Structure formats: C-alpha cells, structure tokens
C-alpha cells in the first residue's frame, strides 16, 4: 500500500504523541510519522521541494518505533491527521 503525501502540509505533525515520539528518538515529527508508515509496511511517498526536507525524509532507516509507540500513533484520530494511507 502506498501513502502519497503522508505528511500533508505539516499542520498534522503537532499532536503531542507525535512530537514526544520524535523527541525520544531525536528525530523530527515528520521522520516519526514516516517511520510509522514503514513499520506498517506502507510505502510513504512524501512530497517536498525543500532540499532539507527531502534529505530528512530519507533519514528514517536507522531507528525503530517501539510496539508501544506504534500503538499510541495507531490510536490517533485519523480524521484530523494524515496517518492513514
């Protein structure tokens, strides 16, 4: 399954669960959300024209979210944030 534009315009990256998960891994909220997609077996296709964001989007392979973190992010309201495909 593919997730095109899973990060939206960034407005969906501020829920405390996402921010706290990212901080625990010393990552950005966008990286935490992309990692969530990967661990679910989704193929995230983030959009960006910003070189820094493009590079950042590839830096998700050297950390893993715990089962608990995955469950917490799974429980977020899918209507208000782009954690769905």
N, C-alpha and C. Protein backbone atom coordinates (compact mmCIF):
# COMPACT_ATOMS: atom_id res chain seq x y z
N UNK A 1 0.85 -1.17 0.00
CA UNK A 1 0.00 0.00 0.00
C UNK A 1 0.90 1.23 0.00
N UNK A 2 0.51 2.22 -0.76
CA UNK A 2 1.26 3.47 -0.86
C UNK A 2 0.55 4.58 -0.10
N UNK A 3 1.35 5.48 0.43
CA UNK A 3 0.84 6.65 1.13
C UNK A 3 1.42 7.87 0.43
N UNK A 4 0.65 8.46 -0.48
CA UNK A 4 1.13 9.62 -1.21
C UNK A 4 0.88 10.88 -0.40
N UNK A 5 1.95 11.65 -0.17
CA UNK A 5 1.83 12.89 0.59
C UNK A 5 1.39 12.66 2.02
N UNK A 6 1.99 11.68 2.72
CA UNK A 6 1.52 11.34 4.07
C UNK A 6 1.75 12.41 5.12
N UNK A 7 2.53 13.41 4.81
CA UNK A 7 2.82 14.44 5.79
C UNK A 7 1.95 15.68 5.62
N UNK A 8 1.11 15.69 4.60
CA UNK A 8 0.27 16.84 4.36
C UNK A 8 1.10 18.10 4.21
N UNK A 9 0.65 19.17 4.78
CA UNK A 9 1.38 20.44 4.75
C UNK A 9 2.12 20.70 6.06
N UNK A 10 2.25 19.66 6.88
CA UNK A 10 2.94 19.82 8.15
C UNK A 10 2.04 20.20 9.31
N UNK A 11 0.81 20.60 9.01
CA UNK A 11 -0.10 21.01 10.07
C UNK A 11 -0.54 19.82 10.92
N UNK A 12 -0.34 18.63 10.42
CA UNK A 12 -0.80 17.43 11.12
C UNK A 12 0.30 16.78 11.95
N UNK A 13 1.42 17.46 12.14
CA UNK A 13 2.55 16.87 12.84
C UNK A 13 2.71 17.39 14.27
N UNK A 14 1.71 18.07 14.79
CA UNK A 14 1.84 18.68 16.10
C UNK A 14 1.16 17.95 17.26
N UNK A 15 0.41 16.88 17.04
CA UNK A 15 -0.16 16.20 18.21
C UNK A 15 0.95 15.77 19.18
N UNK A 16 0.72 15.94 20.47
CA UNK A 16 1.76 15.61 21.45
C UNK A 16 2.35 14.21 21.28
N UNK A 17 1.53 13.22 20.92
CA UNK A 17 2.05 11.86 20.77
C UNK A 17 3.11 11.78 19.69
N UNK A 18 2.92 12.52 18.60
CA UNK A 18 3.90 12.52 17.51
C UNK A 18 5.15 13.27 17.93
N UNK A 19 4.96 14.44 18.52
CA UNK A 19 6.10 15.26 18.95
C UNK A 19 6.94 14.51 19.99
N UNK A 20 6.29 13.92 20.97
CA UNK A 20 7.02 13.20 22.03
C UNK A 20 7.75 11.98 21.47
N UNK A 21 7.11 11.26 20.57
CA UNK A 21 7.77 10.10 19.95
C UNK A 21 9.01 10.55 19.20
N UNK A 22 8.88 11.60 18.44
CA UNK A 22 10.02 12.13 17.68
C UNK A 22 11.15 12.55 18.62
N UNK A 23 10.82 13.24 19.69
CA UNK A 23 11.84 13.70 20.63
C UNK A 23 12.58 12.54 21.28
N UNK A 24 11.86 11.48 21.61
CA UNK A 24 12.52 10.32 22.22
C UNK A 24 13.58 9.72 21.30
N UNK A 25 13.38 9.84 20.01
CA UNK A 25 14.32 9.28 19.04
C UNK A 25 15.26 10.34 18.46
N UNK A 26 15.14 11.56 18.99
CA UNK A 26 15.93 12.69 18.48
C UNK A 26 15.72 12.86 16.98
N UNK A 27 14.46 12.85 16.59
CA UNK A 27 14.04 12.99 15.19
C UNK A 27 12.99 14.08 15.09
N UNK A 28 12.62 14.39 13.88
CA UNK A 28 11.54 15.35 13.66
C UNK A 28 10.20 14.60 13.68
N UNK A 29 9.11 15.32 13.92
CA UNK A 29 7.81 14.66 13.83
C UNK A 29 7.58 14.01 12.46
N UNK A 30 8.03 14.65 11.40
CA UNK A 30 7.86 14.07 10.07
C UNK A 30 8.58 12.72 9.97
N UNK A 31 9.77 12.64 10.52
CA UNK A 31 10.50 11.37 10.48
C UNK A 31 9.78 10.29 11.29
N UNK A 32 9.21 10.66 12.42
CA UNK A 32 8.48 9.68 13.23
C UNK A 32 7.27 9.16 12.46
N UNK A 33 6.56 10.04 11.78
CA UNK A 33 5.38 9.63 11.01
C UNK A 33 5.79 8.76 9.82
N UNK A 34 6.86 9.12 9.14
CA UNK A 34 7.33 8.28 8.03
C UNK A 34 7.75 6.91 8.53
N UNK A 35 8.41 6.86 9.68
CA UNK A 35 8.82 5.57 10.25
C UNK A 35 7.60 4.73 10.60
N UNK A 36 6.56 5.36 11.12
CA UNK A 36 5.30 4.67 11.43
C UNK A 36 4.76 3.99 10.18
N UNK A 37 4.76 4.74 9.07
CA UNK A 37 4.29 4.17 7.81
C UNK A 37 5.12 2.95 7.41
N UNK A 38 6.43 3.09 7.47
CA UNK A 38 7.32 2.00 7.07
C UNK A 38 7.12 0.75 7.92
N UNK A 39 6.97 0.93 9.21
CA UNK A 39 6.80 -0.21 10.09
C UNK A 39 5.47 -0.91 9.91
N UNK A 40 4.51 -0.22 9.31
CA UNK A 40 3.23 -0.85 8.96
C UNK A 40 3.29 -1.49 7.58
N UNK A 41 4.42 -1.35 6.92
CA UNK A 41 4.56 -1.95 5.59
C UNK A 41 4.02 -1.07 4.47
N UNK A 42 3.69 0.18 4.79
CA UNK A 42 3.23 1.12 3.77
C UNK A 42 4.44 1.71 3.06
N UNK A 43 4.24 2.18 1.87
CA UNK A 43 5.30 2.85 1.11
C UNK A 43 4.96 4.34 1.11
N UNK A 44 5.59 5.12 2.01
CA UNK A 44 5.29 6.55 2.05
C UNK A 44 6.00 7.27 0.91
N UNK A 45 5.27 8.15 0.26
CA UNK A 45 5.83 8.97 -0.81
C UNK A 45 5.61 10.43 -0.43
N UNK A 46 6.52 10.95 0.41
CA UNK A 46 6.36 12.35 0.84
C UNK A 46 6.68 13.31 -0.29
N UNK A 47 5.99 14.44 -0.27
CA UNK A 47 6.22 15.48 -1.28
C UNK A 47 6.97 16.63 -0.65
N UNK A 48 7.96 17.15 -1.37
CA UNK A 48 8.66 18.33 -0.90
C UNK A 48 9.51 18.90 -2.03
N UNK A 49 9.64 20.20 -2.05
CA UNK A 49 10.57 20.86 -2.96
C UNK A 49 11.74 21.42 -2.18
N UNK A 50 11.67 21.30 -0.86
CA UNK A 50 12.71 21.79 0.03
C UNK A 50 13.79 20.72 0.17
N UNK A 51 15.01 21.06 -0.24
CA UNK A 51 16.11 20.09 -0.22
C UNK A 51 16.33 19.50 1.17
N UNK A 52 16.30 20.33 2.20
CA UNK A 52 16.49 19.85 3.57
C UNK A 52 15.44 18.82 3.95
N UNK A 53 14.20 19.06 3.58
CA UNK A 53 13.13 18.13 3.90
C UNK A 53 13.29 16.82 3.13
N UNK A 54 13.71 16.91 1.90
CA UNK A 54 13.92 15.71 1.09
C UNK A 54 14.99 14.83 1.74
N UNK A 55 16.10 15.45 2.13
CA UNK A 55 17.18 14.71 2.79
C UNK A 55 16.67 14.12 4.10
N UNK A 56 15.97 14.93 4.89
CA UNK A 56 15.43 14.49 6.17
C UNK A 56 14.49 13.29 6.01
N UNK A 57 13.69 13.31 4.94
CA UNK A 57 12.73 12.24 4.71
C UNK A 57 13.40 10.89 4.47
N UNK A 58 14.65 10.89 4.06
CA UNK A 58 15.37 9.63 3.84
C UNK A 58 16.06 9.14 5.10
N UNK A 59 16.11 9.95 6.14
CA UNK A 59 16.82 9.59 7.36
C UNK A 59 15.89 8.90 8.36
N UNK A 60 15.29 7.82 7.92
CA UNK A 60 14.32 7.09 8.76
C UNK A 60 14.67 5.60 8.88
N UNK A 61 15.82 5.22 8.42
CA UNK A 61 16.18 3.80 8.38
C UNK A 61 17.01 3.33 9.55
N UNK A 62 17.50 4.23 10.38
CA UNK A 62 18.40 3.81 11.45
C UNK A 62 17.77 3.93 12.84
N UNK A 63 16.46 3.91 12.90
CA UNK A 63 15.77 3.85 14.18
C UNK A 63 14.45 3.12 13.98
N UNK A 64 13.88 2.67 15.07
CA UNK A 64 12.63 1.93 15.00
C UNK A 64 11.73 2.35 16.15
N UNK A 65 10.45 2.47 15.88
CA UNK A 65 9.49 2.80 16.93
C UNK A 65 9.16 1.53 17.70
N UNK A 66 8.97 1.68 19.00
CA UNK A 66 8.62 0.52 19.83
C UNK A 66 7.18 0.11 19.55
N UNK A 67 6.82 -1.07 20.01
CA UNK A 67 5.44 -1.54 19.87
C UNK A 67 4.48 -0.57 20.55
N UNK A 68 4.87 -0.08 21.71
CA UNK A 68 4.02 0.87 22.44
C UNK A 68 3.85 2.17 21.65
N UNK A 69 4.94 2.69 21.09
CA UNK A 69 4.86 3.92 20.29
C UNK A 69 3.97 3.70 19.07
N UNK A 70 4.08 2.54 18.46
CA UNK A 70 3.24 2.24 17.30
C UNK A 70 1.77 2.23 17.70
N UNK A 71 1.45 1.61 18.84
CA UNK A 71 0.06 1.57 19.30
C UNK A 71 -0.47 2.97 19.60
N UNK A 72 0.37 3.80 20.21
CA UNK A 72 -0.05 5.18 20.52
C UNK A 72 -0.35 5.93 19.23
N UNK A 73 0.55 5.84 18.26
CA UNK A 73 0.31 6.55 17.00
C UNK A 73 -0.86 5.94 16.24
N UNK A 74 -1.05 4.63 16.35
CA UNK A 74 -2.21 3.98 15.73
C UNK A 74 -3.52 4.54 16.28
N UNK A 75 -3.51 4.93 17.54
CA UNK A 75 -4.75 5.36 18.19
C UNK A 75 -5.12 6.81 17.89
N UNK A 76 -4.24 7.55 17.23
CA UNK A 76 -4.55 8.95 16.94
C UNK A 76 -5.74 9.07 16.00
N UNK A 77 -6.45 10.15 16.12
CA UNK A 77 -7.64 10.42 15.30
C UNK A 77 -7.24 10.57 13.84
N UNK A 78 -7.62 9.64 13.04
CA UNK A 78 -7.23 9.64 11.62
C UNK A 78 -7.97 10.70 10.81
N UNK A 79 -9.00 11.28 11.38
CA UNK A 79 -9.72 12.34 10.67
C UNK A 79 -8.93 13.65 10.71
N UNK A 80 -8.15 13.86 11.77
CA UNK A 80 -7.51 15.16 11.94
C UNK A 80 -6.02 15.17 11.56
N UNK A 81 -5.43 14.00 11.39
CA UNK A 81 -4.02 13.94 11.00
C UNK A 81 -3.83 12.91 9.90
N UNK A 82 -2.79 13.07 9.11
CA UNK A 82 -2.55 12.17 8.00
C UNK A 82 -1.67 11.00 8.41
N UNK A 83 -2.23 10.11 9.17
CA UNK A 83 -1.52 8.87 9.49
C UNK A 83 -2.17 7.71 8.77
N UNK A 84 -3.04 8.01 7.85
CA UNK A 84 -3.68 6.94 7.09
C UNK A 84 -3.14 6.96 5.68
N UNK A 85 -3.44 5.92 4.97
CA UNK A 85 -2.96 5.82 3.59
C UNK A 85 -4.07 6.16 2.63
